[in-house]
């Protein structure tokens, strides 16, 4: 039976690279808001001999995520893998200048959507599937208050789920990617020498054995 991988945040960055890296062994269900970027991803996956289902949806809309998960259930009955790479990078700012709109959007994408997705997706993963989250250790650094706090909330949910499912499944992994020249990092460090960063596809290739359980 075909292995199925759901990638939330699949249109660019690590999500897109992971989708391509997983495509030789999985049918990819790619979720993101940007239709054009999803179509470009689909073209690359098909050109390499893989297959994908595109879901141009906003993860912050619970009704859309319910429809997505019901569609997965009705068509395939299960998921083997969920990689959650969707993230919002609010502008860096001192904590005492936190903008309400930036806080609300960061909270919606980084934390609230995760709290909705976990109970929706868990039944699809069952005992044998796995979920993968990607940590960022910048919480508490200066100017990272909004991003750091909401990302930390996401990771707290992931770690609790990880601890709760050790004996029952699904397997929950938390990985820490290397610094990559992504759009998210570019918003944080616009003047950085990007040549010194790890290319996104190289990082996806490094993480793949851990995700698939084939690493040493």
Protein backbone atom coordinates (compact mmCIF):
# COMPACT_ATOMS: atom_id res chain seq x y z
CA UNK A 1 0.00 0.00 0.00
CA UNK A 2 1.21 3.51 -0.82
CA UNK A 3 2.82 5.41 2.05
CA UNK A 4 1.18 8.78 2.64
CA UNK A 5 2.93 11.91 3.92
CA UNK A 6 1.08 15.08 4.89
CA UNK A 7 3.26 18.19 4.79
CA UNK A 8 1.76 21.31 6.34
CA UNK A 9 3.68 24.34 5.12
CA UNK A 10 4.77 22.61 1.92
CA UNK A 11 5.01 25.53 -0.50
CA UNK A 12 8.53 26.68 0.32
CA UNK A 13 11.54 26.24 2.57
CA UNK A 14 12.05 23.05 4.52
CA UNK A 15 8.48 21.87 3.91
CA UNK A 16 8.92 21.96 0.16
CA UNK A 17 12.33 20.28 0.33
CA UNK A 18 11.00 17.52 2.58
CA UNK A 19 8.08 16.95 0.24
CA UNK A 20 10.50 16.37 -2.62
CA UNK A 21 12.78 14.20 -0.46
CA UNK A 22 9.86 12.02 0.66
CA UNK A 23 8.23 11.75 -2.76
CA UNK A 24 10.23 8.69 -3.91
CA UNK A 25 8.70 6.66 -1.07
CA UNK A 26 5.45 8.52 -0.27
CA UNK A 27 2.46 10.07 -1.96
CA UNK A 28 2.65 13.69 -0.80
CA UNK A 29 -0.35 15.63 0.48
CA UNK A 30 0.93 19.19 0.30
CA UNK A 31 -0.80 21.92 2.31
CA UNK A 32 -0.09 25.64 2.02
CA UNK A 33 -1.90 28.87 1.20
CA UNK A 34 0.14 29.68 -1.93
CA UNK A 35 -1.40 27.83 -4.88
CA UNK A 36 1.31 28.78 -7.38
CA UNK A 37 4.12 27.50 -5.17
CA UNK A 38 2.22 24.26 -4.58
CA UNK A 39 1.80 23.78 -8.32
CA UNK A 40 5.52 24.31 -8.84
CA UNK A 41 6.22 21.72 -6.14
CA UNK A 42 3.83 19.32 -7.87
CA UNK A 43 5.68 19.80 -11.15
CA UNK A 44 9.01 18.97 -9.53
CA UNK A 45 7.62 15.91 -7.78
CA UNK A 46 6.01 14.61 -10.98
CA UNK A 47 9.18 15.27 -12.98
CA UNK A 48 11.04 13.02 -10.54
CA UNK A 49 8.45 10.27 -10.88
CA UNK A 50 6.47 10.94 -7.73
CA UNK A 51 2.90 11.97 -7.05
CA UNK A 52 1.19 14.60 -4.92
CA UNK A 53 -2.21 15.87 -3.90
CA UNK A 54 -2.35 19.64 -3.51
CA UNK A 55 -4.40 21.22 -0.74
CA UNK A 56 -4.28 25.03 -1.03
CA UNK A 57 -5.67 25.73 2.44
CA UNK A 58 -5.07 27.98 5.43
CA UNK A 59 -4.13 25.94 8.50
CA UNK A 60 -5.61 28.62 10.76
CA UNK A 61 -9.14 27.83 9.51
CA UNK A 62 -10.38 24.87 11.58
CA UNK A 63 -13.18 24.09 9.14
CA UNK A 64 -10.67 23.78 6.30
CA UNK A 65 -8.48 21.44 8.34
CA UNK A 66 -11.49 19.33 9.28
CA UNK A 67 -12.40 19.07 5.59
CA UNK A 68 -8.81 18.12 4.73
CA UNK A 69 -8.62 15.39 7.34
CA UNK A 70 -12.06 14.03 6.46
CA UNK A 71 -10.97 13.92 2.81
CA UNK A 72 -7.81 12.01 3.72
CA UNK A 73 -9.86 9.56 5.77
CA UNK A 74 -12.44 9.02 3.05
CA UNK A 75 -9.87 8.54 0.29
CA UNK A 76 -7.06 6.66 2.03
CA UNK A 77 -8.26 5.82 5.52
CA UNK A 78 -4.98 6.73 7.20
CA UNK A 79 -1.72 8.67 7.19
CA UNK A 80 1.79 7.32 7.66
CA UNK A 81 3.56 10.60 8.29
CA UNK A 82 2.78 14.19 9.18
CA UNK A 83 5.58 16.76 8.95
CA UNK A 84 4.52 20.13 10.36
CA UNK A 85 6.70 22.91 8.94
CA UNK A 86 4.17 25.76 8.71
CA UNK A 87 5.33 28.80 10.67
CA UNK A 88 4.77 32.55 10.83
CA UNK A 89 7.70 34.88 11.38
CA UNK A 90 6.57 38.10 13.00
CA UNK A 91 8.87 41.13 12.64
CA UNK A 92 11.58 41.27 15.27
CA UNK A 93 10.73 43.84 17.91
CA UNK A 94 11.38 44.59 21.59
CA UNK A 95 8.84 42.93 23.85
CA UNK A 96 7.49 46.29 24.95
CA UNK A 97 6.67 47.15 21.34
CA UNK A 98 4.79 43.94 20.55
CA UNK A 99 2.08 44.67 17.98
CA UNK A 100 -1.29 43.09 18.67
CA UNK A 101 -1.80 42.04 15.03
CA UNK A 102 1.62 40.35 14.88
CA UNK A 103 0.96 38.55 18.15
CA UNK A 104 -2.48 37.34 17.06
CA UNK A 105 -1.26 36.06 13.68
CA UNK A 106 1.76 34.34 15.23
CA UNK A 107 -0.42 32.74 17.87
CA UNK A 108 -2.94 31.60 15.26
CA UNK A 109 -0.36 30.00 12.93
CA UNK A 110 2.29 28.78 15.33
CA UNK A 111 0.24 27.63 18.32
CA UNK A 112 -3.53 27.55 17.84
CA UNK A 113 -3.38 25.77 14.47
CA UNK A 114 -1.13 23.13 16.01
CA UNK A 115 -3.60 22.60 18.84
CA UNK A 116 -6.33 22.02 16.24
CA UNK A 117 -4.28 19.85 13.90
CA UNK A 118 -3.00 17.38 16.48
CA UNK A 119 -6.46 16.03 17.47
CA UNK A 120 -7.59 16.07 13.84
CA UNK A 121 -4.56 14.19 12.52
CA UNK A 122 -3.88 11.80 15.41
CA UNK A 123 -6.68 9.37 14.44
CA UNK A 124 -5.33 9.24 10.89
CA UNK A 125 -1.85 8.33 12.14
CA UNK A 126 -3.17 5.70 14.52
CA UNK A 127 -0.61 3.68 16.45
CA UNK A 128 1.85 3.10 13.61
CA UNK A 129 2.17 6.54 12.01
CA UNK A 130 4.41 9.35 13.06
CA UNK A 131 4.40 13.12 13.40
CA UNK A 132 7.48 15.30 13.04
CA UNK A 133 7.92 18.80 14.44
CA UNK A 134 10.87 21.13 14.00
CA UNK A 135 12.23 23.02 16.98
CA UNK A 136 13.76 26.48 17.09
CA UNK A 137 15.71 27.41 20.20
CA UNK A 138 15.47 31.20 19.88
CA UNK A 139 12.68 31.60 22.44
CA UNK A 140 13.83 34.13 25.02
CA UNK A 141 16.43 35.82 22.80
CA UNK A 142 16.16 39.58 22.47
CA UNK A 143 13.64 40.80 19.88
CA UNK A 144 12.28 37.26 19.35
CA UNK A 145 9.47 37.59 21.91
CA UNK A 146 6.48 37.15 19.61
CA UNK A 147 7.99 34.46 17.41
CA UNK A 148 9.79 32.73 20.27
CA UNK A 149 6.80 32.60 22.60
CA UNK A 150 4.38 31.25 20.01
CA UNK A 151 6.90 28.77 18.62
CA UNK A 152 7.63 27.62 22.17
CA UNK A 153 3.90 27.07 22.69
CA UNK A 154 3.85 24.89 19.58
CA UNK A 155 6.77 22.86 20.84
CA UNK A 156 5.20 22.47 24.29
CA UNK A 157 2.19 20.85 22.62
CA UNK A 158 4.48 18.61 20.56
CA UNK A 159 6.54 17.53 23.57
CA UNK A 160 3.45 16.73 25.61
CA UNK A 161 2.04 14.66 22.74
CA UNK A 162 5.41 12.97 22.37
CA UNK A 163 5.47 12.00 26.06
CA UNK A 164 1.86 10.84 25.99
CA UNK A 165 2.29 8.51 23.01
CA UNK A 166 5.52 6.71 23.89
CA UNK A 167 3.65 3.46 24.61
CA UNK A 168 0.58 3.90 22.42
CA UNK A 169 1.82 5.65 19.28
CA UNK A 170 1.86 7.48 17.02
CA UNK A 171 5.57 8.19 17.18
CA UNK A 172 6.26 11.89 17.66
CA UNK A 173 9.68 13.23 16.68
CA UNK A 174 11.11 16.66 17.38
CA UNK A 175 14.07 17.57 15.17
CA UNK A 176 16.30 20.64 15.14
CA UNK A 177 17.22 21.77 11.63
CA UNK A 178 20.45 23.57 10.86
CA UNK A 179 20.34 27.22 9.82
CA UNK A 180 19.09 27.39 6.22
CA UNK A 181 18.66 30.25 3.71
CA UNK A 182 14.86 30.20 3.98
CA UNK A 183 12.47 33.09 3.63
CA UNK A 184 11.76 32.88 7.35
CA UNK A 185 15.43 33.27 8.26
CA UNK A 186 15.81 36.03 5.68
CA UNK A 187 13.14 38.05 7.47
CA UNK A 188 15.04 37.66 10.73
CA UNK A 189 18.55 38.26 9.38
CA UNK A 190 18.26 40.26 6.13
CA UNK A 191 21.96 41.13 5.91
CA UNK A 192 23.30 37.67 6.69
CA UNK A 193 25.80 35.88 4.44
CA UNK A 194 23.50 33.17 3.12
CA UNK A 195 26.37 31.30 1.49
CA UNK A 196 27.41 30.15 4.95
CA UNK A 197 24.03 28.46 5.59
CA UNK A 198 23.04 24.87 4.84
CA UNK A 199 21.07 24.57 1.57
CA UNK A 200 17.48 23.54 2.25
CA UNK A 201 17.64 20.40 0.11
CA UNK A 202 20.84 19.31 1.83
CA UNK A 203 19.19 19.72 5.22
CA UNK A 204 16.12 17.79 4.10
CA UNK A 205 18.44 14.99 2.95
CA UNK A 206 20.19 15.03 6.34
CA UNK A 207 16.93 14.85 8.26
CA UNK A 208 15.31 12.23 6.03
CA UNK A 209 16.96 9.16 7.63
CA UNK A 210 15.80 10.32 11.05
CA UNK A 211 12.27 10.85 9.77
CA UNK A 212 12.16 7.47 8.03
CA UNK A 213 13.89 5.67 10.86
CA UNK A 214 16.80 4.57 8.70
CA UNK A 215 19.50 6.63 10.41
CA UNK A 216 22.24 5.21 12.52
